[in-house]
Amino acid sequence: MKILPIALIALTFAFFAPASQAATIFSDNFNAEHGGTGIVNYTGFAKWNVSNGAVDLIGNGFFDFFPGNGLYVDLDGTVFKAGLLSSTPIALATGTYTIQFALGGSHRGDTNTVRVTLGSFLNETFTLAAGDPLATITRTITVGGPTSASLTFQNDGGDNMGAILDNVSVDSATTEVPVPETHSISLLAMGLTGIGLLQRMLKLRSSN
């Protein structure tokens, strides 16, 4: 009779598969910066460093080109030299990562190009017309071994009218939580029914 609980456990786990979950390891929508108010030539970011120029923190009614999106970053500040916006180092373990960020046009009559890098894993340049909406861009990278890297955004030019950046995140893929495979639920039910019938037959046999 002891074989039945063991068989039940084995049958149950046989029909469960690990599900892939995303774990956010870095994210910023800039809304908590500077008490929620905009400011030009901002350098007080909690998760970013600004070098070789300047960026502006705008939105929430202050040069608010995309109302309803809170605060965001103008990648070309008011010193006529676009700054390099670099995240604090992001620890990357072996695995696959999804990088997301929103870029939009300056909405002030010019075209901008923005170079986005993450160590040696991402190096891409985006061209944005002045009237381009704030749109989410997604990229996937694979990391072969533990390392760390900074996510950077560099606007070209230096005319105080840069592209707009918002909603940055880096997510890692993990496989941890078991969930039932949908095509196996009916087979699991049949197996449990069979175990129940077998248990009943053994009880009848032992009582005779």
C-alpha atoms as a PDB file:
ATOM      1  CA  MET A   1       0.000   0.000   0.000  1.00  0.00           C
ATOM      2  CA  LYS A   2       2.918   2.387   0.574  1.00  0.00           C
ATOM      3  CA  ILE A   3       3.597   2.470  -3.161  1.00  0.00           C
ATOM      4  CA  LEU A   4       0.442   4.475  -3.806  1.00  0.00           C
ATOM      5  CA  PRO A   5       1.465   7.772  -2.129  1.00  0.00           C
ATOM      6  CA  ILE A   6       4.857   7.512  -3.822  1.00  0.00           C
ATOM      7  CA  ALA A   7       3.244   6.905  -7.195  1.00  0.00           C
ATOM      8  CA  LEU A   8       0.875   9.816  -6.651  1.00  0.00           C
ATOM      9  CA  ILE A   9       3.732  12.198  -5.886  1.00  0.00           C
ATOM     10  CA  ALA A  10       5.744  11.009  -8.877  1.00  0.00           C
ATOM     11  CA  LEU A  11       2.765  11.330 -11.197  1.00  0.00           C
ATOM     12  CA  THR A  12       1.987  14.838  -9.986  1.00  0.00           C
ATOM     13  CA  PHE A  13       5.520  16.153 -10.528  1.00  0.00           C
ATOM     14  CA  ALA A  14       5.724  14.463 -13.907  1.00  0.00           C
ATOM     15  CA  PHE A  15       3.078  16.807 -15.233  1.00  0.00           C
ATOM     16  CA  PHE A  16       4.558  20.009 -13.871  1.00  0.00           C
ATOM     17  CA  ALA A  17       7.105  22.088 -15.803  1.00  0.00           C
ATOM     18  CA  PRO A  18       9.229  25.036 -14.709  1.00  0.00           C
ATOM     19  CA  ALA A  19       7.850  28.409 -15.788  1.00  0.00           C
ATOM     20  CA  SER A  20      10.058  31.246 -16.935  1.00  0.00           C
ATOM     21  CA  GLN A  21       9.750  34.392 -14.808  1.00  0.00           C
ATOM     22  CA  ALA A  22      11.303  37.804 -15.360  1.00  0.00           C
ATOM     23  CA  ALA A  23      13.206  39.361 -12.473  1.00  0.00           C
ATOM     24  CA  THR A  24      13.865  43.102 -12.685  1.00  0.00           C
ATOM     25  CA  ILE A  25      17.452  43.902 -11.735  1.00  0.00           C
ATOM     26  CA  PHE A  26      17.449  47.581 -12.745  1.00  0.00           C
ATOM     27  CA  SER A  27      14.660  50.063 -13.400  1.00  0.00           C
ATOM     28  CA  ASP A  28      14.060  53.811 -13.322  1.00  0.00           C
ATOM     29  CA  ASN A  29      11.220  56.041 -14.517  1.00  0.00           C
ATOM     30  CA  PHE A  30      12.878  59.189 -13.072  1.00  0.00           C
ATOM     31  CA  ASN A  31       9.658  60.231 -11.283  1.00  0.00           C
ATOM     32  CA  ALA A  32      11.273  60.271  -7.836  1.00  0.00           C
ATOM     33  CA  GLU A  33      14.073  62.617  -8.872  1.00  0.00           C
ATOM     34  CA  HIS A  34      14.326  66.168  -7.524  1.00  0.00           C
ATOM     35  CA  GLY A  35      11.160  65.873  -5.470  1.00  0.00           C
ATOM     36  CA  GLY A  36       9.099  65.210  -8.589  1.00  0.00           C
ATOM     37  CA  THR A  37       9.860  68.553 -10.229  1.00  0.00           C
ATOM     38  CA  GLY A  38      11.897  69.346 -13.325  1.00  0.00           C
ATOM     39  CA  ILE A  39      15.225  71.133 -13.413  1.00  0.00           C
ATOM     40  CA  VAL A  40      17.805  71.939 -16.096  1.00  0.00           C
ATOM     41  CA  ASN A  41      21.366  70.553 -16.019  1.00  0.00           C
ATOM     42  CA  TYR A  42      20.443  67.953 -13.426  1.00  0.00           C
ATOM     43  CA  THR A  43      23.187  65.813 -11.881  1.00  0.00           C
ATOM     44  CA  GLY A  44      21.564  64.451  -8.736  1.00  0.00           C
ATOM     45  CA  PHE A  45      20.260  61.161 -10.167  1.00  0.00           C
ATOM     46  CA  ALA A  46      19.998  58.253  -7.734  1.00  0.00           C
ATOM     47  CA  LYS A  47      20.964  55.608 -10.307  1.00  0.00           C
ATOM     48  CA  TRP A  48      22.799  57.568 -13.015  1.00  0.00           C
ATOM     49  CA  ASN A  49      25.911  59.645 -13.575  1.00  0.00           C
ATOM     50  CA  VAL A  50      26.211  62.526 -16.034  1.00  0.00           C
ATOM     51  CA  SER A  51      29.563  63.294 -17.709  1.00  0.00           C
ATOM     52  CA  ASN A  52      30.992  65.271 -20.630  1.00  0.00           C
ATOM     53  CA  GLY A  53      28.055  67.633 -20.821  1.00  0.00           C
ATOM     54  CA  ALA A  54      24.561  68.006 -19.381  1.00  0.00           C
ATOM     55  CA  VAL A  55      21.047  66.579 -19.418  1.00  0.00           C
ATOM     56  CA  ASP A  56      17.772  68.129 -18.229  1.00  0.00           C
ATOM     57  CA  LEU A  57      15.132  66.586 -15.969  1.00  0.00           C
ATOM     58  CA  ILE A  58      11.798  67.690 -17.429  1.00  0.00           C
ATOM     59  CA  GLY A  59       8.080  66.856 -17.346  1.00  0.00           C
ATOM     60  CA  ASN A  60       5.324  67.269 -14.749  1.00  0.00           C
ATOM     61  CA  GLY A  61       4.481  70.658 -16.248  1.00  0.00           C
ATOM     62  CA  PHE A  62       8.108  71.725 -16.751  1.00  0.00           C
ATOM     63  CA  PHE A  63       8.880  71.621 -20.500  1.00  0.00           C
ATOM     64  CA  ASP A  64       6.299  68.832 -20.510  1.00  0.00           C
ATOM     65  CA  PHE A  65       6.351  67.495 -24.086  1.00  0.00           C
ATOM     66  CA  PHE A  66       4.711  64.187 -23.095  1.00  0.00           C
ATOM     67  CA  PRO A  67       2.012  65.034 -20.513  1.00  0.00           C
ATOM     68  CA  GLY A  68       0.964  62.188 -18.264  1.00  0.00           C
ATOM     69  CA  ASN A  69       4.368  60.497 -18.286  1.00  0.00           C
ATOM     70  CA  GLY A  70       5.736  62.086 -15.123  1.00  0.00           C
ATOM     71  CA  LEU A  71       9.368  63.121 -15.247  1.00  0.00           C
ATOM     72  CA  TYR A  72      11.793  62.130 -18.011  1.00  0.00           C
ATOM     73  CA  VAL A  73      15.217  63.123 -19.310  1.00  0.00           C
ATOM     74  CA  ASP A  74      16.139  65.526 -22.112  1.00  0.00           C
ATOM     75  CA  LEU A  75      19.431  63.989 -23.248  1.00  0.00           C
ATOM     76  CA  ASP A  76      20.859  67.355 -24.358  1.00  0.00           C
ATOM     77  CA  GLY A  77      21.041  69.826 -21.482  1.00  0.00           C
ATOM     78  CA  THR A  78      21.283  73.591 -21.503  1.00  0.00           C
ATOM     79  CA  VAL A  79      25.068  73.988 -21.769  1.00  0.00           C
ATOM     80  CA  PHE A  80      25.167  73.353 -25.535  1.00  0.00           C
ATOM     81  CA  LYS A  81      26.838  69.980 -25.020  1.00  0.00           C
ATOM     82  CA  ALA A  82      24.879  66.750 -24.651  1.00  0.00           C
ATOM     83  CA  GLY A  83      25.880  64.730 -21.604  1.00  0.00           C
ATOM     84  CA  LEU A  84      26.660  61.035 -21.375  1.00  0.00           C
ATOM     85  CA  LEU A  85      24.063  59.444 -19.088  1.00  0.00           C
ATOM     86  CA  SER A  86      25.505  56.288 -17.497  1.00  0.00           C
ATOM     87  CA  SER A  87      23.752  53.978 -15.054  1.00  0.00           C
ATOM     88  CA  THR A  88      25.401  52.730 -11.905  1.00  0.00           C
ATOM     89  CA  PRO A  89      27.052  49.343 -12.676  1.00  0.00           C
ATOM     90  CA  ILE A  90      24.521  46.558 -13.205  1.00  0.00           C
ATOM     91  CA  ALA A  91      25.516  43.075 -12.010  1.00  0.00           C
ATOM     92  CA  LEU A  92      24.886  40.490 -14.737  1.00  0.00           C
ATOM     93  CA  ALA A  93      24.949  36.748 -14.092  1.00  0.00           C
ATOM     94  CA  THR A  94      25.079  34.138 -16.841  1.00  0.00           C
ATOM     95  CA  GLY A  95      21.797  34.151 -18.734  1.00  0.00           C
ATOM     96  CA  THR A  96      19.408  36.097 -20.948  1.00  0.00           C
ATOM     97  CA  TYR A  97      18.300  39.664 -20.286  1.00  0.00           C
ATOM     98  CA  THR A  98      15.649  41.985 -21.685  1.00  0.00           C
ATOM     99  CA  ILE A  99      16.502  45.677 -21.901  1.00  0.00           C
ATOM    100  CA  GLN A 100      13.681  48.199 -22.284  1.00  0.00           C
ATOM    101  CA  PHE A 101      13.653  51.977 -22.572  1.00  0.00           C
ATOM    102  CA  ALA A 102      11.410  54.620 -24.085  1.00  0.00           C
ATOM    103  CA  LEU A 103      12.782  57.190 -26.527  1.00  0.00           C
ATOM    104  CA  GLY A 104      10.929  60.124 -28.065  1.00  0.00           C
ATOM    105  CA  GLY A 105      11.657  63.073 -30.304  1.00  0.00           C
ATOM    106  CA  SER A 106      12.725  66.450 -28.923  1.00  0.00           C
ATOM    107  CA  HIS A 107       9.441  68.091 -30.028  1.00  0.00           C
ATOM    108  CA  ARG A 108      11.424  71.235 -30.781  1.00  0.00           C
ATOM    109  CA  GLY A 109      12.052  70.984 -34.492  1.00  0.00           C
ATOM    110  CA  ASP A 110      15.256  68.943 -34.840  1.00  0.00           C
ATOM    111  CA  THR A 111      16.403  65.355 -35.391  1.00  0.00           C
ATOM    112  CA  ASN A 112      18.561  63.542 -32.853  1.00  0.00           C
ATOM    113  CA  THR A 113      20.563  60.351 -32.790  1.00  0.00           C
ATOM    114  CA  VAL A 114      21.077  58.478 -29.535  1.00  0.00           C
ATOM    115  CA  ARG A 115      23.726  55.806 -29.008  1.00  0.00           C
ATOM    116  CA  VAL A 116      22.768  53.135 -26.457  1.00  0.00           C
ATOM    117  CA  THR A 117      25.351  50.758 -24.989  1.00  0.00           C
ATOM    118  CA  LEU A 118      25.566  48.099 -22.310  1.00  0.00           C
ATOM    119  CA  GLY A 119      29.149  46.914 -22.063  1.00  0.00           C
ATOM    120  CA  SER A 120      29.957  44.711 -25.070  1.00  0.00           C
ATOM    121  CA  PHE A 121      26.424  43.297 -25.172  1.00  0.00           C
ATOM    122  CA  LEU A 122      24.571  46.216 -26.747  1.00  0.00           C
ATOM    123  CA  ASN A 123      25.751  49.004 -29.039  1.00  0.00           C
ATOM    124  CA  GLU A 124      23.028  50.575 -31.162  1.00  0.00           C
ATOM    125  CA  THR A 125      22.193  54.035 -32.487  1.00  0.00           C
ATOM    126  CA  PHE A 126      18.630  55.335 -32.844  1.00  0.00           C
ATOM    127  CA  THR A 127      17.542  58.278 -34.983  1.00  0.00           C
ATOM    128  CA  LEU A 128      14.515  60.243 -33.802  1.00  0.00           C
ATOM    129  CA  ALA A 129      12.653  62.931 -35.700  1.00  0.00           C
ATOM    130  CA  ALA A 130      11.481  65.904 -33.659  1.00  0.00           C
ATOM    131  CA  GLY A 131       7.847  64.784 -33.590  1.00  0.00           C
ATOM    132  CA  ASP A 132       8.408  61.109 -32.814  1.00  0.00           C
ATOM    133  CA  PRO A 133       6.226  59.848 -29.934  1.00  0.00           C
ATOM    134  CA  LEU A 134       7.636  58.346 -26.767  1.00  0.00           C
ATOM    135  CA  ALA A 135       7.936  54.679 -27.768  1.00  0.00           C
ATOM    136  CA  THR A 136       9.247  51.637 -25.900  1.00  0.00           C
ATOM    137  CA  ILE A 137      12.253  49.849 -27.411  1.00  0.00           C
ATOM    138  CA  THR A 138      13.098  46.271 -26.379  1.00  0.00           C
ATOM    139  CA  ARG A 139      16.353  44.413 -26.898  1.00  0.00           C
ATOM    140  CA  THR A 140      17.491  40.950 -25.713  1.00  0.00           C
ATOM    141  CA  ILE A 141      21.067  40.064 -24.799  1.00  0.00           C
ATOM    142  CA  THR A 142      22.827  36.896 -23.663  1.00  0.00           C
ATOM    143  CA  VAL A 143      25.565  37.023 -21.020  1.00  0.00           C
ATOM    144  CA  GLY A 144      28.065  34.165 -21.064  1.00  0.00           C
ATOM    145  CA  GLY A 145      29.548  34.697 -17.605  1.00  0.00           C
ATOM    146  CA  PRO A 146      29.188  36.858 -14.478  1.00  0.00           C
ATOM    147  CA  THR A 147      30.125  40.495 -15.081  1.00  0.00           C
ATOM    148  CA  SER A 148      28.887  44.046 -14.566  1.00  0.00           C
ATOM    149  CA  ALA A 149      28.275  46.879 -16.998  1.00  0.00           C
ATOM    150  CA  SER A 150      26.710  50.332 -17.196  1.00  0.00           C
ATOM    151  CA  LEU A 151      23.809  51.148 -19.460  1.00  0.00           C
ATOM    152  CA  THR A 152      24.592  54.411 -21.286  1.00  0.00           C
ATOM    153  CA  PHE A 153      22.694  56.913 -23.432  1.00  0.00           C
ATOM    154  CA  GLN A 154      24.606  59.473 -25.512  1.00  0.00           C
ATOM    155  CA  ASN A 155      22.751  62.107 -27.555  1.00  0.00           C
ATOM    156  CA  ASP A 156      24.570  63.646 -30.490  1.00  0.00           C
ATOM    157  CA  GLY A 157      25.019  67.378 -30.992  1.00  0.00           C
ATOM    158  CA  GLY A 158      24.756  70.197 -28.504  1.00  0.00           C
ATOM    159  CA  ASP A 159      21.876  72.568 -29.157  1.00  0.00           C
ATOM    160  CA  ASN A 160      19.838  72.115 -25.949  1.00  0.00           C
ATOM    161  CA  MET A 161      17.180  70.114 -27.796  1.00  0.00           C
ATOM    162  CA  GLY A 162      17.856  66.428 -27.212  1.00  0.00           C
ATOM    163  CA  ALA A 163      15.850  63.247 -27.536  1.00  0.00           C
ATOM    164  CA  ILE A 164      13.680  62.214 -24.582  1.00  0.00           C
ATOM    165  CA  LEU A 165      14.411  59.159 -22.396  1.00  0.00           C
ATOM    166  CA  ASP A 166      12.045  57.458 -19.945  1.00  0.00           C
ATOM    167  CA  ASN A 167      11.134  54.101 -18.335  1.00  0.00           C
ATOM    168  CA  VAL A 168      14.424  52.195 -18.374  1.00  0.00           C
ATOM    169  CA  SER A 169      14.586  48.589 -17.164  1.00  0.00           C
ATOM    170  CA  VAL A 170      16.785  45.495 -17.313  1.00  0.00           C
ATOM    171  CA  ASP A 171      15.100  42.146 -16.605  1.00  0.00           C
ATOM    172  CA  SER A 172      16.697  38.734 -16.239  1.00  0.00           C
ATOM    173  CA  ALA A 173      14.984  35.465 -17.181  1.00  0.00           C
ATOM    174  CA  THR A 174      14.791  32.854 -14.394  1.00  0.00           C
ATOM    175  CA  THR A 175      13.287  29.361 -14.338  1.00  0.00           C
ATOM    176  CA  GLU A 176      12.034  28.535 -10.909  1.00  0.00           C
ATOM    177  CA  VAL A 177       8.291  28.207 -10.372  1.00  0.00           C
ATOM    178  CA  PRO A 178       6.660  24.894 -11.409  1.00  0.00           C
ATOM    179  CA  VAL A 179       3.310  25.198 -13.172  1.00  0.00           C
ATOM    180  CA  PRO A 180       1.155  22.497 -14.788  1.00  0.00           C
ATOM    181  CA  GLU A 181       1.558  21.997 -18.502  1.00  0.00           C
ATOM    182  CA  THR A 182      -1.839  22.703 -20.053  1.00  0.00           C
ATOM    183  CA  HIS A 183      -1.712  19.743 -22.463  1.00  0.00           C
ATOM    184  CA  SER A 184      -1.049  17.325 -19.591  1.00  0.00           C
ATOM    185  CA  ILE A 185      -3.877  18.230 -17.193  1.00  0.00           C
ATOM    186  CA  SER A 186      -6.284  15.660 -18.694  1.00  0.00           C
ATOM    187  CA  LEU A 187      -3.621  12.937 -18.541  1.00  0.00           C
ATOM    188  CA  LEU A 188      -2.949  13.828 -14.912  1.00  0.00           C
ATOM    189  CA  ALA A 189      -6.653  13.433 -14.099  1.00  0.00           C
ATOM    190  CA  MET A 190      -6.735  10.022 -15.798  1.00  0.00           C
ATOM    191  CA  GLY A 191      -3.672   8.900 -13.868  1.00  0.00           C
ATOM    192  CA  LEU A 192      -5.143   9.967 -10.532  1.00  0.00           C
ATOM    193  CA  THR A 193      -8.353   8.112 -11.356  1.00  0.00           C
ATOM    194  CA  GLY A 194      -6.372   4.990 -12.175  1.00  0.00           C
ATOM    195  CA  ILE A 195      -4.491   5.189  -8.874  1.00  0.00           C
ATOM    196  CA  GLY A 196      -7.798   5.496  -7.020  1.00  0.00           C
ATOM    197  CA  LEU A 197      -9.212   2.401  -8.742  1.00  0.00           C
ATOM    198  CA  LEU A 198      -6.039   0.445  -8.023  1.00  0.00           C
ATOM    199  CA  GLN A 199      -6.199   1.392  -4.363  1.00  0.00           C
ATOM    200  CA  ARG A 200      -9.848   0.264  -4.179  1.00  0.00           C
ATOM    201  CA  MET A 201      -9.045  -3.100  -5.793  1.00  0.00           C
ATOM    202  CA  LEU A 202      -6.210  -3.707  -3.338  1.00  0.00           C
ATOM    203  CA  LYS A 203      -8.514  -2.951  -0.410  1.00  0.00           C
ATOM    204  CA  LEU A 204     -11.104  -5.419  -1.727  1.00  0.00           C
ATOM    205  CA  ARG A 205      -8.430  -8.094  -2.214  1.00  0.00           C
ATOM    206  CA  SER A 206      -7.039  -7.631   1.291  1.00  0.00           C
ATOM    207  CA  SER A 207     -10.511  -7.895   2.826  1.00  0.00           C
ATOM    208  CA  ASN A 208     -11.203 -11.291   1.152  1.00  0.00           C
END
